[in-house]
Amino acid sequence: MGKDISNILGPTIKSYRERLGISQGCLAERLNSEGVNIDRTMIVKIESQTRRVSDYELLAITKILKIKHKNIFKDISK
């Protein structure tokens, strides 16, 4: 399965997660505690752009990774 061009945020999410030193498994656990049913494999797919990220998942991810909403699209390279 190739990259999903409708998921442009995967690399940005990965970058913020790594900056905070949070593993993919830990991010998945934190998302589950926020009511988002997701596992580590889904995080891998989101970050590698092979799975779309939904709006409610993105809101929870930005909260956990402390990404300001206005900054989420800043680091996207074209």
N, C-alpha and C. Protein backbone atom coordinates (compact mmCIF):
# COMPACT_ATOMS: atom_id res chain seq x y z
N MET A 1 0.85 -1.18 0.00
CA MET A 1 0.00 0.00 0.00
C MET A 1 0.89 1.24 0.00
N GLY A 2 0.61 2.18 -0.88
CA GLY A 2 1.41 3.39 -1.01
C GLY A 2 0.95 4.50 -0.09
N LYS A 3 1.64 5.60 -0.19
CA LYS A 3 1.27 6.77 0.62
C LYS A 3 -0.11 7.26 0.22
N ASP A 4 -0.87 7.68 1.23
CA ASP A 4 -2.20 8.23 1.02
C ASP A 4 -2.06 9.74 0.91
N ILE A 5 -2.19 10.26 -0.30
CA ILE A 5 -1.96 11.69 -0.49
C ILE A 5 -2.95 12.57 0.27
N SER A 6 -4.00 11.94 0.82
CA SER A 6 -4.93 12.72 1.63
C SER A 6 -4.43 12.83 3.08
N ASN A 7 -3.31 12.18 3.41
CA ASN A 7 -2.70 12.31 4.72
C ASN A 7 -1.36 13.02 4.55
N ILE A 8 -1.37 14.31 4.71
CA ILE A 8 -0.14 15.08 4.59
C ILE A 8 0.49 15.37 5.95
N LEU A 9 -0.18 14.98 7.03
CA LEU A 9 0.28 15.33 8.37
C LEU A 9 1.12 14.24 9.04
N GLY A 10 1.18 13.07 8.47
CA GLY A 10 1.90 11.96 9.09
C GLY A 10 3.32 12.30 9.51
N PRO A 11 4.15 12.83 8.60
CA PRO A 11 5.53 13.16 8.99
C PRO A 11 5.60 14.25 10.06
N THR A 12 4.69 15.19 10.04
CA THR A 12 4.66 16.24 11.07
C THR A 12 4.34 15.64 12.44
N ILE A 13 3.36 14.75 12.47
CA ILE A 13 3.00 14.07 13.72
C ILE A 13 4.20 13.30 14.25
N LYS A 14 4.87 12.57 13.38
CA LYS A 14 6.05 11.79 13.78
C LYS A 14 7.13 12.70 14.34
N SER A 15 7.38 13.83 13.69
CA SER A 15 8.40 14.76 14.14
C SER A 15 8.11 15.28 15.54
N TYR A 16 6.89 15.73 15.78
CA TYR A 16 6.52 16.23 17.11
C TYR A 16 6.60 15.13 18.15
N ARG A 17 6.16 13.93 17.81
CA ARG A 17 6.20 12.80 18.75
C ARG A 17 7.64 12.50 19.15
N GLU A 18 8.52 12.44 18.15
CA GLU A 18 9.92 12.14 18.42
C GLU A 18 10.59 13.25 19.23
N ARG A 19 10.24 14.50 18.97
CA ARG A 19 10.81 15.63 19.74
C ARG A 19 10.48 15.51 21.23
N LEU A 20 9.30 14.96 21.52
CA LEU A 20 8.89 14.80 22.91
C LEU A 20 9.39 13.49 23.51
N GLY A 21 10.00 12.63 22.68
CA GLY A 21 10.51 11.36 23.20
C GLY A 21 9.42 10.36 23.54
N ILE A 22 8.31 10.45 22.83
CA ILE A 22 7.17 9.57 23.07
C ILE A 22 7.18 8.46 22.03
N SER A 23 7.09 7.22 22.47
CA SER A 23 7.05 6.10 21.52
C SER A 23 5.68 6.03 20.86
N GLN A 24 5.62 5.31 19.75
CA GLN A 24 4.34 5.13 19.07
C GLN A 24 3.35 4.39 19.97
N GLY A 25 3.84 3.42 20.72
CA GLY A 25 2.99 2.68 21.65
C GLY A 25 2.43 3.57 22.75
N CYS A 26 3.29 4.43 23.27
CA CYS A 26 2.85 5.37 24.32
C CYS A 26 1.82 6.35 23.77
N LEU A 27 2.04 6.84 22.57
CA LEU A 27 1.06 7.74 21.95
C LEU A 27 -0.28 7.03 21.79
N ALA A 28 -0.25 5.79 21.36
CA ALA A 28 -1.48 5.02 21.21
C ALA A 28 -2.19 4.86 22.56
N GLU A 29 -1.44 4.57 23.61
CA GLU A 29 -2.03 4.43 24.95
C GLU A 29 -2.67 5.74 25.40
N ARG A 30 -1.97 6.84 25.18
CA ARG A 30 -2.51 8.15 25.58
C ARG A 30 -3.77 8.50 24.78
N LEU A 31 -3.76 8.15 23.49
CA LEU A 31 -4.96 8.39 22.68
C LEU A 31 -6.13 7.56 23.19
N ASN A 32 -5.87 6.33 23.56
CA ASN A 32 -6.94 5.48 24.10
C ASN A 32 -7.49 6.07 25.39
N SER A 33 -6.62 6.65 26.22
CA SER A 33 -7.10 7.27 27.47
C SER A 33 -7.94 8.51 27.19
N GLU A 34 -7.78 9.09 25.98
CA GLU A 34 -8.60 10.23 25.56
C GLU A 34 -9.87 9.77 24.83
N GLY A 35 -10.07 8.45 24.74
CA GLY A 35 -11.28 7.94 24.10
C GLY A 35 -11.12 7.65 22.61
N VAL A 36 -9.90 7.70 22.11
CA VAL A 36 -9.64 7.43 20.70
C VAL A 36 -9.13 5.99 20.59
N ASN A 37 -9.90 5.14 19.95
CA ASN A 37 -9.55 3.73 19.81
C ASN A 37 -8.53 3.56 18.70
N ILE A 38 -7.27 3.46 19.08
CA ILE A 38 -6.17 3.38 18.11
C ILE A 38 -5.05 2.56 18.73
N ASP A 39 -4.31 1.85 17.89
CA ASP A 39 -3.18 1.08 18.40
C ASP A 39 -1.88 1.53 17.73
N ARG A 40 -0.77 0.95 18.18
CA ARG A 40 0.54 1.35 17.68
C ARG A 40 0.65 1.17 16.17
N THR A 41 0.09 0.09 15.65
CA THR A 41 0.15 -0.16 14.22
C THR A 41 -0.54 0.95 13.44
N MET A 42 -1.63 1.47 13.96
CA MET A 42 -2.33 2.57 13.30
C MET A 42 -1.49 3.84 13.32
N ILE A 43 -0.76 4.06 14.42
CA ILE A 43 0.13 5.22 14.51
C ILE A 43 1.23 5.10 13.44
N VAL A 44 1.80 3.91 13.30
CA VAL A 44 2.82 3.67 12.28
C VAL A 44 2.27 4.02 10.90
N LYS A 45 1.06 3.57 10.61
CA LYS A 45 0.45 3.82 9.30
C LYS A 45 0.14 5.29 9.08
N ILE A 46 -0.31 5.98 10.12
CA ILE A 46 -0.57 7.42 10.01
C ILE A 46 0.74 8.15 9.70
N GLU A 47 1.78 7.85 10.48
CA GLU A 47 3.06 8.53 10.30
C GLU A 47 3.71 8.23 8.96
N SER A 48 3.47 7.05 8.43
CA SER A 48 4.06 6.68 7.13
C SER A 48 3.12 7.02 5.97
N GLN A 49 2.04 7.69 6.28
CA GLN A 49 1.07 8.18 5.29
C GLN A 49 0.36 7.06 4.52
N THR A 50 0.17 5.92 5.17
CA THR A 50 -0.57 4.84 4.53
C THR A 50 -1.96 4.69 5.14
N ARG A 51 -2.29 5.55 6.10
CA ARG A 51 -3.62 5.59 6.71
C ARG A 51 -3.99 7.05 6.94
N ARG A 52 -5.23 7.36 6.66
CA ARG A 52 -5.72 8.72 6.92
C ARG A 52 -5.88 8.92 8.42
N VAL A 53 -5.79 10.17 8.82
CA VAL A 53 -6.05 10.53 10.21
C VAL A 53 -7.36 11.31 10.22
N SER A 54 -8.28 10.90 11.08
CA SER A 54 -9.58 11.57 11.14
C SER A 54 -9.48 12.86 11.96
N ASP A 55 -10.50 13.66 11.85
CA ASP A 55 -10.48 14.94 12.56
C ASP A 55 -10.42 14.77 14.07
N TYR A 56 -11.19 13.84 14.62
CA TYR A 56 -11.17 13.67 16.08
C TYR A 56 -9.85 13.06 16.54
N GLU A 57 -9.23 12.22 15.71
CA GLU A 57 -7.91 11.69 16.04
C GLU A 57 -6.88 12.81 16.03
N LEU A 58 -6.96 13.67 15.03
CA LEU A 58 -6.02 14.79 14.92
C LEU A 58 -6.14 15.73 16.11
N LEU A 59 -7.35 16.01 16.54
CA LEU A 59 -7.54 16.87 17.72
C LEU A 59 -6.88 16.27 18.95
N ALA A 60 -7.07 14.97 19.16
CA ALA A 60 -6.46 14.31 20.32
C ALA A 60 -4.94 14.26 20.19
N ILE A 61 -4.44 13.99 18.99
CA ILE A 61 -2.99 13.94 18.77
C ILE A 61 -2.36 15.29 19.05
N THR A 62 -2.97 16.36 18.55
CA THR A 62 -2.41 17.70 18.78
C THR A 62 -2.43 18.05 20.27
N LYS A 63 -3.43 17.60 20.98
CA LYS A 63 -3.51 17.85 22.42
C LYS A 63 -2.37 17.13 23.14
N ILE A 64 -2.20 15.85 22.84
CA ILE A 64 -1.19 15.03 23.51
C ILE A 64 0.22 15.51 23.16
N LEU A 65 0.45 15.84 21.90
CA LEU A 65 1.78 16.26 21.47
C LEU A 65 2.02 17.76 21.64
N LYS A 66 1.04 18.44 22.20
CA LYS A 66 1.15 19.87 22.49
C LYS A 66 1.46 20.70 21.25
N ILE A 67 0.74 20.36 20.17
CA ILE A 67 0.89 21.10 18.91
C ILE A 67 -0.22 22.13 18.84
N LYS A 68 0.13 23.38 18.68
CA LYS A 68 -0.89 24.41 18.51
C LYS A 68 -1.55 24.21 17.15
N HIS A 69 -2.86 24.33 17.13
CA HIS A 69 -3.60 24.09 15.88
C HIS A 69 -3.09 24.95 14.73
N LYS A 70 -2.69 26.17 15.03
CA LYS A 70 -2.21 27.05 13.97
C LYS A 70 -0.86 26.60 13.42
N ASN A 71 -0.15 25.72 14.15
CA ASN A 71 1.17 25.27 13.71
C ASN A 71 1.16 23.91 13.01
N ILE A 72 0.05 23.21 13.03
CA ILE A 72 0.03 21.83 12.54
C ILE A 72 0.43 21.72 11.06
N PHE A 73 0.12 22.72 10.27
CA PHE A 73 0.43 22.65 8.84
C PHE A 73 1.74 23.37 8.49
N LYS A 74 2.40 24.00 9.46
CA LYS A 74 3.58 24.81 9.19
C LYS A 74 4.75 24.03 8.62
N ASP A 75 4.99 22.84 9.13
CA ASP A 75 6.21 22.11 8.78
C ASP A 75 6.05 21.19 7.57
N ILE A 76 4.93 21.29 6.89
CA ILE A 76 4.70 20.40 5.75
C ILE A 76 5.54 20.85 4.57
N SER A 77 6.35 19.93 4.08
CA SER A 77 7.15 20.26 2.89
C SER A 77 6.39 19.82 1.65
N LYS A 78 6.54 20.57 0.61
CA LYS A 78 5.80 20.28 -0.61
C LYS A 78 6.63 19.49 -1.57
